C-alpha atoms as a PDB file:
ATOM      1  CA  MET A   1      13.304  15.908  53.512  1.00  0.00           C
ATOM      2  CA  LYS A   2      16.424  14.544  51.833  1.00  0.00           C
ATOM      3  CA  ALA A   3      15.203  10.956  52.228  1.00  0.00           C
ATOM      4  CA  LYS A   4      12.567  11.113  49.470  1.00  0.00           C
ATOM      5  CA  ASN A   5      13.270   9.282  46.253  1.00  0.00           C
ATOM      6  CA  ILE A   6      14.150  11.395  43.283  1.00  0.00           C
ATOM      7  CA  VAL A   7      13.423  10.777  39.595  1.00  0.00           C
ATOM      8  CA  ILE A   8      16.221  10.580  37.018  1.00  0.00           C
ATOM      9  CA  THR A   9      15.982   9.756  33.317  1.00  0.00           C
ATOM     10  CA  GLU A  10      17.913   6.729  32.094  1.00  0.00           C
ATOM     11  CA  ALA A  11      20.132   8.922  29.898  1.00  0.00           C
ATOM     12  CA  ASP A  12      20.865  11.367  32.740  1.00  0.00           C
ATOM     13  CA  TYR A  13      21.614   8.471  35.095  1.00  0.00           C
ATOM     14  CA  VAL A  14      24.185   6.999  32.692  1.00  0.00           C
ATOM     15  CA  ARG A  15      25.839  10.382  32.020  1.00  0.00           C
ATOM     16  CA  LEU A  16      25.904  11.309  35.706  1.00  0.00           C
ATOM     17  CA  GLN A  17      27.378   7.931  36.711  1.00  0.00           C
ATOM     18  CA  ARG A  18      30.111   8.467  34.102  1.00  0.00           C
ATOM     19  CA  LEU A  19      30.697  11.980  35.432  1.00  0.00           C
ATOM     20  CA  VAL A  20      31.116  10.664  38.978  1.00  0.00           C
ATOM     21  CA  GLU A  21      33.460   7.866  37.912  1.00  0.00           C
ATOM     22  CA  SER A  22      35.629   9.973  35.599  1.00  0.00           C
ATOM     23  CA  SER A  23      35.765  12.949  37.955  1.00  0.00           C
ATOM     24  CA  ARG A  24      37.062  11.006  40.953  1.00  0.00           C
ATOM     25  CA  VAL A  25      40.583  11.075  39.489  1.00  0.00           C
ATOM     26  CA  PHE A  26      40.655  14.621  38.148  1.00  0.00           C
ATOM     27  CA  ARG A  27      38.378  16.530  40.512  1.00  0.00           C
ATOM     28  CA  GLN A  28      39.860  15.862  43.947  1.00  0.00           C
ATOM     29  CA  ARG A  29      38.492  19.156  45.261  1.00  0.00           C
ATOM     30  CA  ASP A  30      34.957  18.046  44.304  1.00  0.00           C
ATOM     31  CA  ALA A  31      35.096  14.751  46.248  1.00  0.00           C
ATOM     32  CA  LYS A  32      32.330  15.777  48.683  1.00  0.00           C
ATOM     33  CA  HIS A  33      30.083  16.951  45.830  1.00  0.00           C
ATOM     34  CA  LEU A  34      30.726  13.752  43.895  1.00  0.00           C
ATOM     35  CA  ASP A  35      29.809  11.722  46.984  1.00  0.00           C
ATOM     36  CA  ASP A  36      26.580  13.718  47.388  1.00  0.00           C
ATOM     37  CA  LEU A  37      25.635  13.197  43.744  1.00  0.00           C
ATOM     38  CA  GLU A  38      26.469   9.506  43.935  1.00  0.00           C
ATOM     39  CA  GLN A  39      24.233   9.110  47.003  1.00  0.00           C
ATOM     40  CA  GLU A  40      21.379  10.818  45.169  1.00  0.00           C
ATOM     41  CA  LEU A  41      21.822   8.506  42.175  1.00  0.00           C
ATOM     42  CA  GLU A  42      21.799   5.426  44.413  1.00  0.00           C
ATOM     43  CA  ARG A  43      18.306   6.198  45.651  1.00  0.00           C
ATOM     44  CA  ALA A  44      16.893   7.511  42.377  1.00  0.00           C
ATOM     45  CA  ALA A  45      13.933   6.062  40.534  1.00  0.00           C
ATOM     46  CA  ILE A  46      15.189   5.614  36.959  1.00  0.00           C
ATOM     47  CA  MET A  47      12.636   6.313  34.198  1.00  0.00           C
ATOM     48  CA  LYS A  48      12.531   6.545  30.442  1.00  0.00           C
ATOM     49  CA  ALA A  49      12.613  10.174  29.266  1.00  0.00           C
ATOM     50  CA  GLY A  50       9.001  10.051  28.053  1.00  0.00           C
ATOM     51  CA  GLU A  51       7.787   8.810  31.444  1.00  0.00           C
ATOM     52  CA  VAL A  52       9.280  11.579  33.593  1.00  0.00           C
ATOM     53  CA  PRO A  53       6.593  14.015  34.779  1.00  0.00           C
ATOM     54  CA  SER A  54       6.965  17.486  33.274  1.00  0.00           C
ATOM     55  CA  ASP A  55       7.388  19.137  36.682  1.00  0.00           C
ATOM     56  CA  VAL A  56      10.527  17.145  37.636  1.00  0.00           C
ATOM     57  CA  VAL A  57      13.959  18.803  37.574  1.00  0.00           C
ATOM     58  CA  THR A  58      16.138  16.870  35.128  1.00  0.00           C
ATOM     59  CA  MET A  59      19.518  17.729  33.639  1.00  0.00           C
ATOM     60  CA  ASN A  60      19.331  20.898  31.542  1.00  0.00           C
ATOM     61  CA  SER A  61      16.083  21.940  33.208  1.00  0.00           C
ATOM     62  CA  ARG A  62      15.402  25.550  34.090  1.00  0.00           C
ATOM     63  CA  VAL A  63      13.835  25.742  37.546  1.00  0.00           C
ATOM     64  CA  LYS A  64      12.483  28.623  39.620  1.00  0.00           C
ATOM     65  CA  VAL A  65      13.137  28.229  43.350  1.00  0.00           C
ATOM     66  CA  LYS A  66      12.547  30.229  46.482  1.00  0.00           C
ATOM     67  CA  ASP A  67      15.286  30.234  49.103  1.00  0.00           C
ATOM     68  CA  LEU A  68      13.217  29.923  52.271  1.00  0.00           C
ATOM     69  CA  ASN A  69      16.106  31.238  54.372  1.00  0.00           C
ATOM     70  CA  SER A  70      16.381  34.533  52.494  1.00  0.00           C
ATOM     71  CA  GLY A  71      13.067  34.740  50.642  1.00  0.00           C
ATOM     72  CA  ARG A  72      14.949  35.256  47.379  1.00  0.00           C
ATOM     73  CA  ILE A  73      13.478  33.772  44.189  1.00  0.00           C
ATOM     74  CA  THR A  74      15.990  32.619  41.572  1.00  0.00           C
ATOM     75  CA  THR A  75      15.825  30.682  38.326  1.00  0.00           C
ATOM     76  CA  TYR A  76      18.600  28.135  37.831  1.00  0.00           C
ATOM     77  CA  HIS A  77      19.534  26.104  34.777  1.00  0.00           C
ATOM     78  CA  ILE A  78      20.956  22.737  35.958  1.00  0.00           C
ATOM     79  CA  VAL A  79      23.893  21.767  33.709  1.00  0.00           C
ATOM     80  CA  PHE A  80      26.971  19.568  33.500  1.00  0.00           C
ATOM     81  CA  PRO A  81      30.137  21.124  34.995  1.00  0.00           C
ATOM     82  CA  ARG A  82      31.696  22.279  31.732  1.00  0.00           C
ATOM     83  CA  GLU A  83      28.532  24.299  30.894  1.00  0.00           C
ATOM     84  CA  ALA A  84      28.307  26.035  34.268  1.00  0.00           C
ATOM     85  CA  ASP A  85      28.248  29.835  34.248  1.00  0.00           C
ATOM     86  CA  ILE A  86      27.170  31.448  37.515  1.00  0.00           C
ATOM     87  CA  ALA A  87      26.736  34.838  35.806  1.00  0.00           C
ATOM     88  CA  ARG A  88      23.968  33.263  33.701  1.00  0.00           C
ATOM     89  CA  ASN A  89      22.557  31.151  36.598  1.00  0.00           C
ATOM     90  CA  ARG A  90      23.794  27.990  34.876  1.00  0.00           C
ATOM     91  CA  ILE A  91      24.505  25.842  37.942  1.00  0.00           C
ATOM     92  CA  SER A  92      26.626  22.691  37.770  1.00  0.00           C
ATOM     93  CA  VAL A  93      25.016  19.488  38.916  1.00  0.00           C
ATOM     94  CA  LEU A  94      28.111  19.153  41.126  1.00  0.00           C
ATOM     95  CA  ALA A  95      27.310  22.417  42.926  1.00  0.00           C
ATOM     96  CA  PRO A  96      25.372  21.792  46.130  1.00  0.00           C
ATOM     97  CA  ILE A  97      22.231  23.538  44.850  1.00  0.00           C
ATOM     98  CA  GLY A  98      22.395  21.672  41.529  1.00  0.00           C
ATOM     99  CA  THR A  99      22.686  18.292  43.225  1.00  0.00           C
ATOM    100  CA  GLY A 100      19.999  19.243  45.736  1.00  0.00           C
ATOM    101  CA  LEU A 101      17.398  20.188  43.123  1.00  0.00           C
ATOM    102  CA  LEU A 102      17.986  17.335  40.678  1.00  0.00           C
ATOM    103  CA  GLY A 103      15.139  14.837  40.532  1.00  0.00           C
ATOM    104  CA  TYR A 104      12.628  16.737  42.664  1.00  0.00           C
ATOM    105  CA  SER A 105       9.353  18.149  41.400  1.00  0.00           C
ATOM    106  CA  ALA A 106       7.647  21.537  41.578  1.00  0.00           C
ATOM    107  CA  GLY A 107       5.976  22.078  44.928  1.00  0.00           C
ATOM    108  CA  THR A 108       8.691  20.225  46.850  1.00  0.00           C
ATOM    109  CA  THR A 109      10.686  21.809  49.658  1.00  0.00           C
ATOM    110  CA  ILE A 110      14.201  20.465  50.145  1.00  0.00           C
ATOM    111  CA  GLU A 111      16.930  21.040  52.700  1.00  0.00           C
ATOM    112  CA  TRP A 112      20.474  20.974  51.407  1.00  0.00           C
ATOM    113  CA  GLN A 113      23.906  21.759  52.772  1.00  0.00           C
ATOM    114  CA  VAL A 114      25.581  24.608  50.865  1.00  0.00           C
ATOM    115  CA  PRO A 115      28.887  26.335  51.697  1.00  0.00           C
ATOM    116  CA  SER A 116      27.090  28.946  53.831  1.00  0.00           C
ATOM    117  CA  GLY A 117      25.206  26.296  55.860  1.00  0.00           C
ATOM    118  CA  MET A 118      21.949  24.342  55.693  1.00  0.00           C
ATOM    119  CA  ARG A 119      19.458  25.945  53.311  1.00  0.00           C
ATOM    120  CA  ARG A 120      15.817  25.288  52.518  1.00  0.00           C
ATOM    121  CA  PHE A 121      14.541  25.677  48.975  1.00  0.00           C
ATOM    122  CA  HIS A 122      11.009  25.454  47.628  1.00  0.00           C
ATOM    123  CA  ILE A 123      10.718  24.500  43.962  1.00  0.00           C
ATOM    124  CA  LEU A 124       8.165  26.913  42.544  1.00  0.00           C
ATOM    125  CA  GLU A 125       8.180  25.824  38.920  1.00  0.00           C
ATOM    126  CA  VAL A 126      10.070  23.846  36.314  1.00  0.00           C
ATOM    127  CA  GLU A 127      10.067  26.451  33.552  1.00  0.00           C
ATOM    128  CA  TYR A 128      11.775  24.213  31.012  1.00  0.00           C
ATOM    129  CA  GLN A 129      12.484  20.497  30.968  1.00  0.00           C
ATOM    130  CA  PRO A 130      14.183  19.014  27.865  1.00  0.00           C
ATOM    131  CA  GLU A 131      12.195  15.777  28.007  1.00  0.00           C
ATOM    132  CA  THR A 132       8.881  17.658  27.864  1.00  0.00           C
ATOM    133  CA  ALA A 133      10.188  19.982  25.142  1.00  0.00           C
ATOM    134  CA  ALA A 134      11.316  16.983  23.024  1.00  0.00           C
ATOM    135  CA  ALA A 135       7.921  15.305  23.416  1.00  0.00           C
ATOM    136  CA  ALA A 136       6.162  18.485  22.278  1.00  0.00           C
ATOM    137  CA  ALA A 137       8.385  18.878  19.194  1.00  0.00           C
END
């Protein structure tokens, strides 16, 4: 399931590449997460913001997922590391779940390694995507 291409906006791609490059020096403890994100970016389909389908998880999207291991449904907001706040379900793109969800669309089931082991998530809905919101404004 991890082998499918993901969709990333041009702006997100540039910012995420910068994050990976700049974090290598300062975030030694995140090396594995940086590697995972970098691998995802390498296989991403890069699109202009206006071309990304509205059901794709982009940076700053709010996404409702079902953990197929536990049955729990949670809404996550995928953000850059400095904006992360687990108490508010604001998940860093460097967190395993954040990296795992980025670029996939509603209806997709993914498998991703998290600290507690391999997990399966089903993306139920992209509740908010900034690219769609900007187009509607």
